[in-house]
């Protein structure tokens, strides 16, 4: 119930949850930082502004499945489109070396490829070449 109430809070406040830079800090400050030092029901109420109820969960259960799936598909497509645009603009710096391997074969290495996204692109090419039918599906 708390998950649904929290999701409803973010949807009302921000419109989106996926790739929303406000979600992480909000969850950190409201739920994770206090930890067990405060009662759980108080954490939910402090974040969402309402006592914990089943209303958001029941609303999700009452929504027709086709409608829910379409909403989820649209939200996913919008997030993917935004992520693709952002990925094309900026490199991802993980401040670490990442090596992508298949058994003993090194497929891609961030040190050799230059950055994480370039290594991911090379790994994706490897997967598409190795499993062409699955990549086309």
Protein backbone atom coordinates (compact mmCIF):
# COMPACT_ATOMS: atom_id res chain seq x y z
CA UNK A 1 0.00 0.00 0.00
CA UNK A 2 2.81 2.39 0.85
CA UNK A 3 4.43 1.84 -2.54
CA UNK A 4 1.22 2.76 -4.34
CA UNK A 5 0.65 5.77 -2.11
CA UNK A 6 4.23 6.92 -2.66
CA UNK A 7 3.95 6.47 -6.44
CA UNK A 8 0.71 8.47 -6.42
CA UNK A 9 2.46 11.23 -4.47
CA UNK A 10 5.27 11.47 -7.03
CA UNK A 11 2.84 11.32 -9.95
CA UNK A 12 0.79 14.17 -8.47
CA UNK A 13 3.82 16.26 -7.50
CA UNK A 14 6.07 15.68 -10.51
CA UNK A 15 4.04 14.02 -13.22
CA UNK A 16 6.70 11.34 -13.75
CA UNK A 17 8.73 8.94 -11.62
CA UNK A 18 11.19 7.32 -14.06
CA UNK A 19 14.45 9.26 -14.44
CA UNK A 20 13.06 12.00 -12.22
CA UNK A 21 16.00 13.57 -10.34
CA UNK A 22 13.71 14.63 -7.48
CA UNK A 23 12.64 11.07 -6.58
CA UNK A 24 15.96 9.81 -5.18
CA UNK A 25 16.63 12.70 -2.81
CA UNK A 26 13.00 12.69 -1.67
CA UNK A 27 13.06 8.97 -0.86
CA UNK A 28 16.45 9.31 0.81
CA UNK A 29 15.30 12.13 3.06
CA UNK A 30 11.81 10.84 3.82
CA UNK A 31 12.27 7.07 4.10
CA UNK A 32 15.88 5.93 4.10
CA UNK A 33 17.62 8.53 6.25
CA UNK A 34 15.26 8.17 9.23
CA UNK A 35 15.32 4.37 8.88
CA UNK A 36 13.96 2.66 11.97
CA UNK A 37 14.27 5.79 14.09
CA UNK A 38 10.65 6.68 13.24
CA UNK A 39 7.51 4.58 12.89
CA UNK A 40 6.87 3.49 9.32
CA UNK A 41 3.36 4.93 9.18
CA UNK A 42 4.76 8.32 10.19
CA UNK A 43 7.33 8.19 7.38
CA UNK A 44 4.62 7.55 4.81
CA UNK A 45 2.42 10.32 6.16
CA UNK A 46 5.28 12.81 6.32
CA UNK A 47 6.23 12.14 2.70
CA UNK A 48 2.79 11.88 1.12
CA UNK A 49 0.93 14.28 3.39
CA UNK A 50 -1.70 11.63 4.19
CA UNK A 51 -1.99 8.73 6.60
CA UNK A 52 -1.38 5.36 4.95
CA UNK A 53 -4.53 4.08 3.28
CA UNK A 54 -5.31 1.55 0.60
CA UNK A 55 -6.86 4.17 -1.68
CA UNK A 56 -4.02 4.34 -4.23
CA UNK A 57 -3.67 0.57 -4.28
CA UNK A 58 -7.41 0.06 -4.73
CA UNK A 59 -7.45 2.66 -7.52
CA UNK A 60 -4.77 0.68 -9.34
CA UNK A 61 -6.67 -2.57 -8.85
CA UNK A 62 -9.87 -0.99 -10.18
CA UNK A 63 -8.24 0.31 -13.35
CA UNK A 64 -8.97 -1.83 -16.42
CA UNK A 65 -5.89 -3.86 -17.37
CA UNK A 66 -5.83 -2.61 -20.98
CA UNK A 67 -5.92 0.99 -19.77
CA UNK A 68 -3.17 0.38 -17.21
CA UNK A 69 -0.97 -1.35 -19.80
CA UNK A 70 -1.41 1.52 -22.25
CA UNK A 71 -0.48 4.07 -19.57
CA UNK A 72 2.60 2.04 -18.64
CA UNK A 73 3.62 1.64 -22.30
CA UNK A 74 3.26 5.37 -22.90
CA UNK A 75 5.25 6.23 -19.78
CA UNK A 76 7.97 3.76 -20.77
CA UNK A 77 8.14 5.12 -24.34
CA UNK A 78 8.40 8.69 -23.06
CA UNK A 79 11.15 7.76 -20.61
CA UNK A 80 13.05 5.81 -23.28
CA UNK A 81 12.80 8.71 -25.72
CA UNK A 82 14.05 11.15 -23.10
CA UNK A 83 16.86 8.79 -22.09
CA UNK A 84 17.97 8.31 -25.69
CA UNK A 85 18.13 12.06 -26.20
CA UNK A 86 20.06 12.55 -22.98
CA UNK A 87 22.41 9.66 -23.76
CA UNK A 88 23.30 11.17 -27.10
CA UNK A 89 24.26 14.44 -25.38
CA UNK A 90 26.38 13.30 -22.46
CA UNK A 91 28.83 10.59 -21.57
CA UNK A 92 28.20 8.47 -18.50
CA UNK A 93 31.06 8.73 -16.04
CA UNK A 94 30.83 5.97 -13.43
CA UNK A 95 34.25 6.83 -12.02
CA UNK A 96 35.27 3.20 -12.44
CA UNK A 97 36.45 0.74 -15.05
CA UNK A 98 33.80 -1.60 -16.45
CA UNK A 99 34.74 -4.69 -18.43
CA UNK A 100 31.98 -6.58 -20.24
CA UNK A 101 32.92 -10.21 -20.78
CA UNK A 102 31.50 -13.42 -22.21
CA UNK A 103 33.34 -16.32 -20.61
CA UNK A 104 37.03 -15.60 -21.20
CA UNK A 105 36.37 -13.17 -24.06
CA UNK A 106 36.51 -9.46 -23.29
CA UNK A 107 33.79 -7.88 -25.37
CA UNK A 108 34.16 -4.26 -24.29
CA UNK A 109 36.15 -2.25 -21.78
CA UNK A 110 35.46 1.33 -20.77
CA UNK A 111 39.18 2.04 -20.73
CA UNK A 112 39.54 0.97 -24.36
CA UNK A 113 36.20 2.28 -25.62
CA UNK A 114 36.55 5.66 -23.94
CA UNK A 115 33.38 5.67 -21.84
CA UNK A 116 30.57 3.51 -20.52
CA UNK A 117 28.06 4.17 -23.31
CA UNK A 118 30.60 3.34 -26.01
CA UNK A 119 31.35 0.06 -24.20
CA UNK A 120 27.61 -0.67 -23.97
CA UNK A 121 27.19 0.03 -27.69
CA UNK A 122 30.01 -2.39 -28.52
CA UNK A 123 28.51 -5.04 -26.21
CA UNK A 124 25.09 -4.53 -27.81
CA UNK A 125 26.65 -5.14 -31.24
CA UNK A 126 28.23 -8.33 -29.95
CA UNK A 127 24.89 -9.59 -28.63
CA UNK A 128 23.07 -8.71 -31.87
CA UNK A 129 25.72 -10.52 -33.90
CA UNK A 130 25.74 -13.57 -31.63
CA UNK A 131 21.95 -13.84 -31.31
CA UNK A 132 20.53 -12.37 -34.54
CA UNK A 133 17.06 -13.92 -34.25
CA UNK A 134 16.56 -12.69 -30.68
CA UNK A 135 17.75 -9.20 -31.63
CA UNK A 136 15.26 -9.01 -34.49
CA UNK A 137 12.28 -10.07 -32.35
